[in-house]
């Protein structure tokens, strides 16, 4: 495995973990169970969007850059909320949209900041 492929694989898996972490914390804060089925069902719209964002932006070419993080953030939030609303029939109340936008941004962009600061 090439070094870039290794970095891209790690970044993709870290992004997935970030989305799942967001969902688990959110479910716990709202008194919902964090069982596998509920967590996967809640995370799936955002994970589908994240995968689409990785493919559409070819994020594996520059997986650690802030620009990649911003693209992944915007696509994951917008498409994920759309899938959540229209395909899953789940809510997209304004407070949830705000929290999802801020937290997913912090996670997908924020985890790329150490590379930027290191320069």
PDB file of N, CA and C in Angstrom:
ATOM      1  N   UNK A   1       0.848  -1.174   0.000  1.00  0.00           N
ATOM      2  CA  UNK A   1       0.000   0.000   0.000  1.00  0.00           C
ATOM      3  C   UNK A   1       0.897   1.243   0.000  1.00  0.00           C
ATOM      4  N   UNK A   2       0.606   2.172  -0.882  1.00  0.00           N
ATOM      5  CA  UNK A   2       1.411   3.391  -0.971  1.00  0.00           C
ATOM      6  C   UNK A   2       1.143   4.290   0.238  1.00  0.00           C
ATOM      7  N   UNK A   3       2.082   5.180   0.559  1.00  0.00           N
ATOM      8  CA  UNK A   3       1.859   6.086   1.699  1.00  0.00           C
ATOM      9  C   UNK A   3       0.593   6.935   1.546  1.00  0.00           C
ATOM     10  N   UNK A   4       0.331   7.451   0.328  1.00  0.00           N
ATOM     11  CA  UNK A   4      -0.866   8.263   0.123  1.00  0.00           C
ATOM     12  C   UNK A   4      -2.123   7.428   0.319  1.00  0.00           C
ATOM     13  N   UNK A   5      -2.119   6.213  -0.173  1.00  0.00           N
ATOM     14  CA  UNK A   5      -3.281   5.341  -0.002  1.00  0.00           C
ATOM     15  C   UNK A   5      -3.511   5.047   1.480  1.00  0.00           C
ATOM     16  N   UNK A   6      -2.425   4.846   2.210  1.00  0.00           N
ATOM     17  CA  UNK A   6      -2.519   4.573   3.647  1.00  0.00           C
ATOM     18  C   UNK A   6      -3.119   5.787   4.371  1.00  0.00           C
ATOM     19  N   UNK A   7      -2.644   6.983   4.024  1.00  0.00           N
ATOM     20  CA  UNK A   7      -3.167   8.214   4.631  1.00  0.00           C
ATOM     21  C   UNK A   7      -4.638   8.395   4.275  1.00  0.00           C
ATOM     22  N   UNK A   8      -4.978   8.179   3.012  1.00  0.00           N
ATOM     23  CA  UNK A   8      -6.365   8.339   2.579  1.00  0.00           C
ATOM     24  C   UNK A   8      -7.281   7.350   3.290  1.00  0.00           C
ATOM     25  N   UNK A   9      -6.844   6.115   3.423  1.00  0.00           N
ATOM     26  CA  UNK A   9      -7.646   5.106   4.127  1.00  0.00           C
ATOM     27  C   UNK A   9      -7.848   5.518   5.580  1.00  0.00           C
ATOM     28  N   UNK A  10      -6.777   5.952   6.230  1.00  0.00           N
ATOM     29  CA  UNK A  10      -6.875   6.399   7.620  1.00  0.00           C
ATOM     30  C   UNK A  10      -7.830   7.577   7.742  1.00  0.00           C
ATOM     31  N   UNK A  11      -7.704   8.573   6.855  1.00  0.00           N
ATOM     32  CA  UNK A  11      -8.558   9.771   6.913  1.00  0.00           C
ATOM     33  C   UNK A  11     -10.018   9.399   6.697  1.00  0.00           C
ATOM     34  N   UNK A  12     -10.285   8.515   5.728  1.00  0.00           N
ATOM     35  CA  UNK A  12     -11.666   8.104   5.478  1.00  0.00           C
ATOM     36  C   UNK A  12     -12.245   7.430   6.717  1.00  0.00           C
ATOM     37  N   UNK A  13     -11.493   6.502   7.290  1.00  0.00           N
ATOM     38  CA  UNK A  13     -11.975   5.805   8.486  1.00  0.00           C
ATOM     39  C   UNK A  13     -12.152   6.768   9.654  1.00  0.00           C
ATOM     40  N   UNK A  14     -11.257   7.740   9.790  1.00  0.00           N
ATOM     41  CA  UNK A  14     -11.404   8.743  10.843  1.00  0.00           C
ATOM     42  C   UNK A  14     -12.659   9.579  10.619  1.00  0.00           C
ATOM     43  N   UNK A  15     -12.939   9.940   9.374  1.00  0.00           N
ATOM     44  CA  UNK A  15     -14.157  10.690   9.066  1.00  0.00           C
ATOM     45  C   UNK A  15     -15.401   9.880   9.422  1.00  0.00           C
ATOM     46  N   UNK A  16     -15.392   8.595   9.111  1.00  0.00           N
ATOM     47  CA  UNK A  16     -16.520   7.719   9.460  1.00  0.00           C
ATOM     48  C   UNK A  16     -16.693   7.676  10.977  1.00  0.00           C
ATOM     49  N   UNK A  17     -15.595   7.507  11.698  1.00  0.00           N
ATOM     50  CA  UNK A  17     -15.651   7.477  13.165  1.00  0.00           C
ATOM     51  C   UNK A  17     -16.203   8.800  13.699  1.00  0.00           C
ATOM     52  N   UNK A  18     -15.810   9.912  13.107  1.00  0.00           N
ATOM     53  CA  UNK A  18     -16.312  11.217  13.540  1.00  0.00           C
ATOM     54  C   UNK A  18     -17.827  11.313  13.384  1.00  0.00           C
ATOM     55  N   UNK A  19     -18.348  10.847  12.267  1.00  0.00           N
ATOM     56  CA  UNK A  19     -19.796  10.877  12.045  1.00  0.00           C
ATOM     57  C   UNK A  19     -20.498   9.979  13.056  1.00  0.00           C
ATOM     58  N   UNK A  20     -19.995   8.783  13.252  1.00  0.00           N
ATOM     59  CA  UNK A  20     -20.613   7.854  14.207  1.00  0.00           C
ATOM     60  C   UNK A  20     -20.546   8.438  15.618  1.00  0.00           C
ATOM     61  N   UNK A  21     -19.440   9.052  15.977  1.00  0.00           N
ATOM     62  CA  UNK A  21     -19.299   9.684  17.287  1.00  0.00           C
ATOM     63  C   UNK A  21     -20.340  10.786  17.469  1.00  0.00           C
ATOM     64  N   UNK A  22     -20.523  11.619  16.460  1.00  0.00           N
ATOM     65  CA  UNK A  22     -21.548  12.663  16.491  1.00  0.00           C
ATOM     66  C   UNK A  22     -22.924  12.059  16.754  1.00  0.00           C
ATOM     67  N   UNK A  23     -23.238  10.983  16.070  1.00  0.00           N
ATOM     68  CA  UNK A  23     -24.540  10.336  16.224  1.00  0.00           C
ATOM     69  C   UNK A  23     -24.694   9.729  17.614  1.00  0.00           C
ATOM     70  N   UNK A  24     -23.690   9.013  18.077  1.00  0.00           N
ATOM     71  CA  UNK A  24     -23.768   8.364  19.398  1.00  0.00           C
ATOM     72  C   UNK A  24     -23.953   9.411  20.498  1.00  0.00           C
ATOM     73  N   UNK A  25     -23.177  10.485  20.450  1.00  0.00           N
ATOM     74  CA  UNK A  25     -23.307  11.539  21.463  1.00  0.00           C
ATOM     75  C   UNK A  25     -24.684  12.189  21.385  1.00  0.00           C
ATOM     76  N   UNK A  26     -25.144  12.457  20.179  1.00  0.00           N
ATOM     77  CA  UNK A  26     -26.467  13.054  20.007  1.00  0.00           C
ATOM     78  C   UNK A  26     -27.579  12.163  20.523  1.00  0.00           C
ATOM     79  N   UNK A  27     -27.516  10.888  20.200  1.00  0.00           N
ATOM     80  CA  UNK A  27     -28.547   9.953  20.674  1.00  0.00           C
ATOM     81  C   UNK A  27     -28.521   9.863  22.197  1.00  0.00           C
ATOM     82  N   UNK A  28     -27.344   9.808  22.755  1.00  0.00           N
ATOM     83  CA  UNK A  28     -27.224   9.725  24.216  1.00  0.00           C
ATOM     84  C   UNK A  28     -27.764  10.999  24.877  1.00  0.00           C
ATOM     85  N   UNK A  29     -27.448  12.162  24.322  1.00  0.00           N
ATOM     86  CA  UNK A  29     -27.924  13.426  24.896  1.00  0.00           C
ATOM     87  C   UNK A  29     -29.437  13.570  24.826  1.00  0.00           C
ATOM     88  N   UNK A  30     -30.058  12.873  23.892  1.00  0.00           N
ATOM     89  CA  UNK A  30     -31.512  12.937  23.753  1.00  0.00           C
ATOM     90  C   UNK A  30     -32.208  11.749  24.401  1.00  0.00           C
ATOM     91  N   UNK A  31     -31.467  10.994  25.196  1.00  0.00           N
ATOM     92  CA  UNK A  31     -32.064   9.888  25.936  1.00  0.00           C
ATOM     93  C   UNK A  31     -32.421   8.684  25.085  1.00  0.00           C
ATOM     94  N   UNK A  32     -31.876   8.617  23.884  1.00  0.00           N
ATOM     95  CA  UNK A  32     -32.125   7.456  23.028  1.00  0.00           C
ATOM     96  C   UNK A  32     -31.042   6.414  23.275  1.00  0.00           C
ATOM     97  N   UNK A  33     -31.361   5.177  22.952  1.00  0.00           N
ATOM     98  CA  UNK A  33     -30.367   4.123  23.129  1.00  0.00           C
ATOM     99  C   UNK A  33     -29.260   4.284  22.093  1.00  0.00           C
ATOM    100  N   UNK A  34     -28.122   3.728  22.417  1.00  0.00           N
ATOM    101  CA  UNK A  34     -27.005   3.763  21.469  1.00  0.00           C
ATOM    102  C   UNK A  34     -26.748   2.361  20.928  1.00  0.00           C
ATOM    103  N   UNK A  35     -27.836   1.606  20.773  1.00  0.00           N
ATOM    104  CA  UNK A  35     -27.710   0.266  20.202  1.00  0.00           C
ATOM    105  C   UNK A  35     -27.290   0.364  18.737  1.00  0.00           C
ATOM    106  N   UNK A  36     -26.776  -0.728  18.225  1.00  0.00           N
ATOM    107  CA  UNK A  36     -26.218  -0.731  16.866  1.00  0.00           C
ATOM    108  C   UNK A  36     -27.258  -0.366  15.815  1.00  0.00           C
ATOM    109  N   UNK A  37     -28.451  -0.921  15.905  1.00  0.00           N
ATOM    110  CA  UNK A  37     -29.473  -0.683  14.874  1.00  0.00           C
ATOM    111  C   UNK A  37     -29.878   0.786  14.845  1.00  0.00           C
ATOM    112  N   UNK A  38     -30.181   1.350  15.994  1.00  0.00           N
ATOM    113  CA  UNK A  38     -30.584   2.753  16.055  1.00  0.00           C
ATOM    114  C   UNK A  38     -29.474   3.693  15.621  1.00  0.00           C
ATOM    115  N   UNK A  39     -28.264   3.380  16.048  1.00  0.00           N
ATOM    116  CA  UNK A  39     -27.119   4.221  15.694  1.00  0.00           C
ATOM    117  C   UNK A  39     -26.857   4.179  14.193  1.00  0.00           C
ATOM    118  N   UNK A  40     -26.880   2.994  13.618  1.00  0.00           N
ATOM    119  CA  UNK A  40     -26.642   2.865  12.170  1.00  0.00           C
ATOM    120  C   UNK A  40     -27.745   3.567  11.393  1.00  0.00           C
ATOM    121  N   UNK A  41     -29.002   3.397  11.814  1.00  0.00           N
ATOM    122  CA  UNK A  41     -30.111   4.030  11.104  1.00  0.00           C
ATOM    123  C   UNK A  41     -29.985   5.554  11.139  1.00  0.00           C
ATOM    124  N   UNK A  42     -29.574   6.087  12.261  1.00  0.00           N
ATOM    125  CA  UNK A  42     -29.421   7.533  12.387  1.00  0.00           C
ATOM    126  C   UNK A  42     -28.197   8.032  11.616  1.00  0.00           C
ATOM    127  N   UNK A  43     -27.125   7.252  11.639  1.00  0.00           N
ATOM    128  CA  UNK A  43     -25.877   7.669  10.984  1.00  0.00           C
ATOM    129  C   UNK A  43     -25.904   7.472   9.475  1.00  0.00           C
ATOM    130  N   UNK A  44     -26.701   6.533   8.994  1.00  0.00           N
ATOM    131  CA  UNK A  44     -26.653   6.143   7.583  1.00  0.00           C
ATOM    132  C   UNK A  44     -26.794   7.300   6.593  1.00  0.00           C
ATOM    133  N   UNK A  45     -27.733   8.230   6.769  1.00  0.00           N
ATOM    134  CA  UNK A  45     -27.808   9.332   5.798  1.00  0.00           C
ATOM    135  C   UNK A  45     -26.506  10.127   5.695  1.00  0.00           C
ATOM    136  N   UNK A  46     -25.867  10.359   6.824  1.00  0.00           N
ATOM    137  CA  UNK A  46     -24.624  11.127   6.831  1.00  0.00           C
ATOM    138  C   UNK A  46     -23.456  10.301   6.304  1.00  0.00           C
ATOM    139  N   UNK A  47     -23.464   9.008   6.575  1.00  0.00           N
ATOM    140  CA  UNK A  47     -22.396   8.143   6.056  1.00  0.00           C
ATOM    141  C   UNK A  47     -22.506   7.985   4.539  1.00  0.00           C
ATOM    142  N   UNK A  48     -23.733   7.872   4.041  1.00  0.00           N
ATOM    143  CA  UNK A  48     -23.940   7.819   2.585  1.00  0.00           C
ATOM    144  C   UNK A  48     -23.432   9.115   1.954  1.00  0.00           C
ATOM    145  N   UNK A  49     -23.797  10.239   2.563  1.00  0.00           N
ATOM    146  CA  UNK A  49     -23.360  11.541   2.045  1.00  0.00           C
ATOM    147  C   UNK A  49     -21.842  11.676   2.107  1.00  0.00           C
ATOM    148  N   UNK A  50     -21.246  11.215   3.197  1.00  0.00           N
ATOM    149  CA  UNK A  50     -19.788  11.276   3.337  1.00  0.00           C
ATOM    150  C   UNK A  50     -19.103  10.456   2.248  1.00  0.00           C
ATOM    151  N   UNK A  51     -19.605   9.250   1.999  1.00  0.00           N
ATOM    152  CA  UNK A  51     -19.025   8.405   0.938  1.00  0.00           C
ATOM    153  C   UNK A  51     -19.158   9.084  -0.420  1.00  0.00           C
ATOM    154  N   UNK A  52     -20.325   9.662  -0.677  1.00  0.00           N
ATOM    155  CA  UNK A  52     -20.521  10.392  -1.929  1.00  0.00           C
ATOM    156  C   UNK A  52     -19.587  11.579  -2.048  1.00  0.00           C
ATOM    157  N   UNK A  53     -19.373  12.265  -0.933  1.00  0.00           N
ATOM    158  CA  UNK A  53     -18.463  13.415  -0.932  1.00  0.00           C
ATOM    159  C   UNK A  53     -17.028  12.974  -1.207  1.00  0.00           C
ATOM    160  N   UNK A  54     -16.621  11.861  -0.597  1.00  0.00           N
ATOM    161  CA  UNK A  54     -15.268  11.340  -0.847  1.00  0.00           C
ATOM    162  C   UNK A  54     -15.098  10.984  -2.321  1.00  0.00           C
ATOM    163  N   UNK A  55     -16.103  10.315  -2.885  1.00  0.00           N
ATOM    164  CA  UNK A  55     -16.012   9.913  -4.289  1.00  0.00           C
ATOM    165  C   UNK A  55     -16.085  11.119  -5.222  1.00  0.00           C
ATOM    166  N   UNK A  56     -17.062  11.983  -4.986  1.00  0.00           N
ATOM    167  CA  UNK A  56     -17.269  13.131  -5.862  1.00  0.00           C
ATOM    168  C   UNK A  56     -16.123  14.124  -5.860  1.00  0.00           C
ATOM    169  N   UNK A  57     -15.505  14.297  -4.711  1.00  0.00           N
ATOM    170  CA  UNK A  57     -14.408  15.270  -4.611  1.00  0.00           C
ATOM    171  C   UNK A  57     -13.032  14.646  -4.827  1.00  0.00           C
ATOM    172  N   UNK A  58     -13.012  13.316  -4.969  1.00  0.00           N
ATOM    173  CA  UNK A  58     -11.742  12.579  -5.081  1.00  0.00           C
ATOM    174  C   UNK A  58     -10.823  12.939  -3.909  1.00  0.00           C
ATOM    175  N   UNK A  59     -11.404  12.884  -2.724  1.00  0.00           N
ATOM    176  CA  UNK A  59     -10.711  13.311  -1.501  1.00  0.00           C
ATOM    177  C   UNK A  59      -9.439  12.525  -1.234  1.00  0.00           C
ATOM    178  N   UNK A  60      -9.330  11.334  -1.795  1.00  0.00           N
ATOM    179  CA  UNK A  60      -8.127  10.521  -1.576  1.00  0.00           C
ATOM    180  C   UNK A  60      -6.880  11.172  -2.168  1.00  0.00           C
ATOM    181  N   UNK A  61      -7.052  12.137  -3.066  1.00  0.00           N
ATOM    182  CA  UNK A  61      -5.897  12.817  -3.671  1.00  0.00           C
ATOM    183  C   UNK A  61      -5.212  13.777  -2.693  1.00  0.00           C
ATOM    184  N   UNK A  62      -5.998  14.374  -1.810  1.00  0.00           N
ATOM    185  CA  UNK A  62      -5.446  15.306  -0.806  1.00  0.00           C
ATOM    186  C   UNK A  62      -6.269  15.167   0.475  1.00  0.00           C
ATOM    187  N   UNK A  63      -6.203  14.015   1.110  1.00  0.00           N
ATOM    188  CA  UNK A  63      -7.119  13.716   2.216  1.00  0.00           C
ATOM    189  C   UNK A  63      -6.918  14.537   3.482  1.00  0.00           C
ATOM    190  N   UNK A  64      -5.761  15.184   3.628  1.00  0.00           N
ATOM    191  CA  UNK A  64      -5.480  15.910   4.870  1.00  0.00           C
ATOM    192  C   UNK A  64      -5.673  17.418   4.768  1.00  0.00           C
ATOM    193  N   UNK A  65      -5.999  17.930   3.600  1.00  0.00           N
ATOM    194  CA  UNK A  65      -6.063  19.385   3.443  1.00  0.00           C
ATOM    195  C   UNK A  65      -7.362  19.959   4.007  1.00  0.00           C
ATOM    196  N   UNK A  66      -7.276  21.227   4.403  1.00  0.00           N
ATOM    197  CA  UNK A  66      -8.472  21.917   4.892  1.00  0.00           C
ATOM    198  C   UNK A  66      -9.522  22.025   3.794  1.00  0.00           C
ATOM    199  N   UNK A  67      -9.090  22.272   2.564  1.00  0.00           N
ATOM    200  CA  UNK A  67     -10.038  22.387   1.452  1.00  0.00           C
ATOM    201  C   UNK A  67     -10.849  21.105   1.303  1.00  0.00           C
ATOM    202  N   UNK A  68     -10.190  19.970   1.408  1.00  0.00           N
ATOM    203  CA  UNK A  68     -10.899  18.692   1.340  1.00  0.00           C
ATOM    204  C   UNK A  68     -11.879  18.588   2.496  1.00  0.00           C
ATOM    205  N   UNK A  69     -11.445  18.967   3.685  1.00  0.00           N
ATOM    206  CA  UNK A  69     -12.325  18.921   4.854  1.00  0.00           C
ATOM    207  C   UNK A  69     -13.562  19.779   4.684  1.00  0.00           C
ATOM    208  N   UNK A  70     -13.385  20.964   4.116  1.00  0.00           N
ATOM    209  CA  UNK A  70     -14.519  21.869   3.910  1.00  0.00           C
ATOM    210  C   UNK A  70     -15.503  21.280   2.904  1.00  0.00           C
ATOM    211  N   UNK A  71     -14.995  20.734   1.812  1.00  0.00           N
ATOM    212  CA  UNK A  71     -15.872  20.104   0.812  1.00  0.00           C
ATOM    213  C   UNK A  71     -16.632  18.938   1.436  1.00  0.00           C
ATOM    214  N   UNK A  72     -15.917  18.080   2.148  1.00  0.00           N
ATOM    215  CA  UNK A  72     -16.567  16.933   2.789  1.00  0.00           C
ATOM    216  C   UNK A  72     -17.623  17.397   3.784  1.00  0.00           C
ATOM    217  N   UNK A  73     -17.319  18.432   4.543  1.00  0.00           N
ATOM    218  CA  UNK A  73     -18.249  18.977   5.536  1.00  0.00           C
ATOM    219  C   UNK A  73     -19.540  19.453   4.873  1.00  0.00           C
ATOM    220  N   UNK A  74     -19.411  20.313   3.872  1.00  0.00           N
ATOM    221  CA  UNK A  74     -20.595  20.898   3.237  1.00  0.00           C
ATOM    222  C   UNK A  74     -21.450  19.819   2.584  1.00  0.00           C
ATOM    223  N   UNK A  75     -20.826  18.947   1.816  1.00  0.00           N
ATOM    224  CA  UNK A  75     -21.585  17.893   1.130  1.00  0.00           C
ATOM    225  C   UNK A  75     -22.219  16.940   2.138  1.00  0.00           C
ATOM    226  N   UNK A  76     -21.474  16.549   3.159  1.00  0.00           N
ATOM    227  CA  UNK A  76     -22.006  15.611   4.147  1.00  0.00           C
ATOM    228  C   UNK A  76     -23.214  16.199   4.864  1.00  0.00           C
ATOM    229  N   UNK A  77     -23.148  17.462   5.239  1.00  0.00           N
ATOM    230  CA  UNK A  77     -24.269  18.087   5.941  1.00  0.00           C
ATOM    231  C   UNK A  77     -25.471  18.260   5.018  1.00  0.00           C
ATOM    232  N   UNK A  78     -25.269  18.875   3.871  1.00  0.00           N
ATOM    233  CA  UNK A  78     -26.396  19.183   2.977  1.00  0.00           C
ATOM    234  C   UNK A  78     -27.046  17.906   2.449  1.00  0.00           C
ATOM    235  N   UNK A  79     -26.241  17.018   1.898  1.00  0.00           N
ATOM    236  CA  UNK A  79     -26.791  15.779   1.335  1.00  0.00           C
ATOM    237  C   UNK A  79     -27.304  14.871   2.450  1.00  0.00           C
ATOM    238  N   UNK A  80     -26.568  14.788   3.556  1.00  0.00           N
ATOM    239  CA  UNK A  80     -26.994  13.951   4.677  1.00  0.00           C
ATOM    240  C   UNK A  80     -28.337  14.382   5.239  1.00  0.00           C
ATOM    241  N   UNK A  81     -28.528  15.682   5.413  1.00  0.00           N
ATOM    242  CA  UNK A  81     -29.817  16.175   5.902  1.00  0.00           C
ATOM    243  C   UNK A  81     -30.923  15.917   4.886  1.00  0.00           C
ATOM    244  N   UNK A  82     -30.600  16.065   3.600  1.00  0.00           N
ATOM    245  CA  UNK A  82     -31.590  15.764   2.563  1.00  0.00           C
ATOM    246  C   UNK A  82     -32.002  14.305   2.568  1.00  0.00           C
ATOM    247  N   UNK A  83     -31.038  13.421   2.660  1.00  0.00           N
ATOM    248  CA  UNK A  83     -31.342  11.982   2.720  1.00  0.00           C
ATOM    249  C   UNK A  83     -32.146  11.679   3.979  1.00  0.00           C
ATOM    250  N   UNK A  84     -31.725  12.263   5.092  1.00  0.00           N
ATOM    251  CA  UNK A  84     -32.425  12.041   6.363  1.00  0.00           C
ATOM    252  C   UNK A  84     -33.893  12.446   6.241  1.00  0.00           C
ATOM    253  N   UNK A  85     -34.148  13.576   5.625  1.00  0.00           N
ATOM    254  CA  UNK A  85     -35.512  14.106   5.513  1.00  0.00           C
ATOM    255  C   UNK A  85     -36.344  13.358   4.477  1.00  0.00           C
ATOM    256  N   UNK A  86     -35.803  13.215   3.266  1.00  0.00           N
ATOM    257  CA  UNK A  86     -36.619  12.725   2.164  1.00  0.00           C
ATOM    258  C   UNK A  86     -36.581  11.216   1.970  1.00  0.00           C
ATOM    259  N   UNK A  87     -35.492  10.563   2.314  1.00  0.00           N
ATOM    260  CA  UNK A  87     -35.418   9.106   2.138  1.00  0.00           C
ATOM    261  C   UNK A  87     -35.773   8.357   3.418  1.00  0.00           C
ATOM    262  N   UNK A  88     -35.433   8.939   4.562  1.00  0.00           N
ATOM    263  CA  UNK A  88     -35.671   8.260   5.831  1.00  0.00           C
ATOM    264  C   UNK A  88     -36.885   8.807   6.569  1.00  0.00           C
ATOM    265  N   UNK A  89     -37.378   9.977   6.153  1.00  0.00           N
ATOM    266  CA  UNK A  89     -38.545  10.565   6.794  1.00  0.00           C
ATOM    267  C   UNK A  89     -38.290  11.063   8.208  1.00  0.00           C
ATOM    268  N   UNK A  90     -37.030  11.325   8.535  1.00  0.00           N
ATOM    269  CA  UNK A  90     -36.685  11.812   9.872  1.00  0.00           C
ATOM    270  C   UNK A  90     -36.625  13.335   9.874  1.00  0.00           C
ATOM    271  N   UNK A  91     -36.659  13.893  11.063  1.00  0.00           N
ATOM    272  CA  UNK A  91     -36.739  15.333  11.218  1.00  0.00           C
ATOM    273  C   UNK A  91     -35.471  16.089  10.866  1.00  0.00           C
ATOM    274  N   UNK A  92     -35.700  17.323  10.454  1.00  0.00           N
ATOM    275  CA  UNK A  92     -34.598  18.251  10.193  1.00  0.00           C
ATOM    276  C   UNK A  92     -34.955  19.606  10.802  1.00  0.00           C
ATOM    277  N   UNK A  93     -35.303  19.587  12.076  1.00  0.00           N
ATOM    278  CA  UNK A  93     -35.639  20.829  12.775  1.00  0.00           C
ATOM    279  C   UNK A  93     -34.430  21.763  12.757  1.00  0.00           C
ATOM    280  N   UNK A  94     -34.711  23.039  12.765  1.00  0.00           N
ATOM    281  CA  UNK A  94     -33.646  24.040  12.681  1.00  0.00           C
ATOM    282  C   UNK A  94     -32.545  23.842  13.724  1.00  0.00           C
ATOM    283  N   UNK A  95     -32.875  23.595  14.998  1.00  0.00           N
ATOM    284  CA  UNK A  95     -31.782  23.378  15.963  1.00  0.00           C
ATOM    285  C   UNK A  95     -30.896  22.183  15.587  1.00  0.00           C
ATOM    286  N   UNK A  96     -31.500  21.115  15.064  1.00  0.00           N
ATOM    287  CA  UNK A  96     -30.708  19.956  14.649  1.00  0.00           C
ATOM    288  C   UNK A  96     -29.802  20.313  13.476  1.00  0.00           C
ATOM    289  N   UNK A  97     -30.328  21.059  12.531  1.00  0.00           N
ATOM    290  CA  UNK A  97     -29.531  21.477  11.368  1.00  0.00           C
ATOM    291  C   UNK A  97     -28.335  22.311  11.827  1.00  0.00           C
ATOM    292  N   UNK A  98     -28.565  23.220  12.758  1.00  0.00           N
ATOM    293  CA  UNK A  98     -27.479  24.071  13.264  1.00  0.00           C
ATOM    294  C   UNK A  98     -26.428  23.234  13.979  1.00  0.00           C
ATOM    295  N   UNK A  99     -26.877  22.363  14.882  1.00  0.00           N
ATOM    296  CA  UNK A  99     -25.936  21.528  15.636  1.00  0.00           C
ATOM    297  C   UNK A  99     -25.176  20.596  14.700  1.00  0.00           C
ATOM    298  N   UNK A 100     -25.884  19.952  13.773  1.00  0.00           N
ATOM    299  CA  UNK A 100     -25.231  19.035  12.830  1.00  0.00           C
ATOM    300  C   UNK A 100     -24.189  19.780  11.996  1.00  0.00           C
ATOM    301  N   UNK A 101     -24.534  20.960  11.524  1.00  0.00           N
ATOM    302  CA  UNK A 101     -23.606  21.743  10.712  1.00  0.00           C
ATOM    303  C   UNK A 101     -22.350  22.104  11.501  1.00  0.00           C
ATOM    304  N   UNK A 102     -22.536  22.578  12.717  1.00  0.00           N
ATOM    305  CA  UNK A 102     -21.386  22.992  13.528  1.00  0.00           C
ATOM    306  C   UNK A 102     -20.525  21.810  13.964  1.00  0.00           C
ATOM    307  N   UNK A 103     -21.158  20.762  14.449  1.00  0.00           N
ATOM    308  CA  UNK A 103     -20.389  19.624  14.973  1.00  0.00           C
ATOM    309  C   UNK A 103     -19.690  18.866  13.849  1.00  0.00           C
ATOM    310  N   UNK A 104     -20.395  18.600  12.765  1.00  0.00           N
ATOM    311  CA  UNK A 104     -19.760  17.891  11.651  1.00  0.00           C
ATOM    312  C   UNK A 104     -18.631  18.742  11.067  1.00  0.00           C
ATOM    313  N   UNK A 105     -18.832  20.052  11.003  1.00  0.00           N
ATOM    314  CA  UNK A 105     -17.756  20.937  10.548  1.00  0.00           C
ATOM    315  C   UNK A 105     -16.545  20.872  11.458  1.00  0.00           C
ATOM    316  N   UNK A 106     -16.800  20.935  12.751  1.00  0.00           N
ATOM    317  CA  UNK A 106     -15.703  20.846  13.716  1.00  0.00           C
ATOM    318  C   UNK A 106     -14.950  19.532  13.555  1.00  0.00           C
ATOM    319  N   UNK A 107     -15.680  18.449  13.365  1.00  0.00           N
ATOM    320  CA  UNK A 107     -15.045  17.136  13.269  1.00  0.00           C
ATOM    321  C   UNK A 107     -14.321  16.922  11.937  1.00  0.00           C
ATOM    322  N   UNK A 108     -14.965  17.228  10.829  1.00  0.00           N
ATOM    323  CA  UNK A 108     -14.350  16.956   9.526  1.00  0.00           C
ATOM    324  C   UNK A 108     -13.277  17.978   9.146  1.00  0.00           C
ATOM    325  N   UNK A 109     -13.464  19.219   9.539  1.00  0.00           N
ATOM    326  CA  UNK A 109     -12.455  20.240   9.236  1.00  0.00           C
ATOM    327  C   UNK A 109     -11.446  20.329  10.382  1.00  0.00           C
ATOM    328  N   UNK A 110     -11.943  20.303  11.601  1.00  0.00           N
ATOM    329  CA  UNK A 110     -11.076  20.450  12.769  1.00  0.00           C
ATOM    330  C   UNK A 110     -10.012  19.379  12.894  1.00  0.00           C
ATOM    331  N   UNK A 111     -10.337  18.156  12.500  1.00  0.00           N
ATOM    332  CA  UNK A 111      -9.335  17.090  12.585  1.00  0.00           C
ATOM    333  C   UNK A 111      -8.239  17.260  11.542  1.00  0.00           C
ATOM    334  N   UNK A 112      -8.446  18.146  10.594  1.00  0.00           N
ATOM    335  CA  UNK A 112      -7.426  18.417   9.581  1.00  0.00           C
ATOM    336  C   UNK A 112      -6.561  19.621   9.949  1.00  0.00           C
ATOM    337  N   UNK A 113      -6.913  20.332  10.999  1.00  0.00           N
ATOM    338  CA  UNK A 113      -6.143  21.505  11.412  1.00  0.00           C
ATOM    339  C   UNK A 113      -4.731  21.189  11.890  1.00  0.00           C
ATOM    340  N   UNK A 114      -4.500  20.122  12.644  1.00  0.00           N
ATOM    341  CA  UNK A 114      -3.119  19.857  13.088  1.00  0.00           C
ATOM    342  C   UNK A 114      -2.122  19.800  11.937  1.00  0.00           C
ATOM    343  N   UNK A 115      -2.515  19.254  10.805  1.00  0.00           N
ATOM    344  CA  UNK A 115      -1.635  19.211   9.636  1.00  0.00           C
ATOM    345  C   UNK A 115      -1.324  20.630   9.173  1.00  0.00           C
ATOM    346  N   UNK A 116      -2.328  21.484   9.191  1.00  0.00           N
ATOM    347  CA  UNK A 116      -2.171  22.871   8.756  1.00  0.00           C
ATOM    348  C   UNK A 116      -1.272  23.643   9.727  1.00  0.00           C
ATOM    349  N   UNK A 117      -1.483  23.454  11.017  1.00  0.00           N
ATOM    350  CA  UNK A 117      -0.709  24.154  12.038  1.00  0.00           C
ATOM    351  C   UNK A 117       0.744  23.701  12.017  1.00  0.00           C
ATOM    352  N   UNK A 118       0.942  22.430  11.731  1.00  0.00           N
ATOM    353  CA  UNK A 118       2.277  21.835  11.717  1.00  0.00           C
ATOM    354  C   UNK A 118       3.191  22.495  10.690  1.00  0.00           C
ATOM    355  N   UNK A 119       2.628  22.990   9.611  1.00  0.00           N
ATOM    356  CA  UNK A 119       3.412  23.603   8.532  1.00  0.00           C
ATOM    357  C   UNK A 119       4.065  24.819   8.993  1.00  0.00           C
TER     358      UNK A 119
END
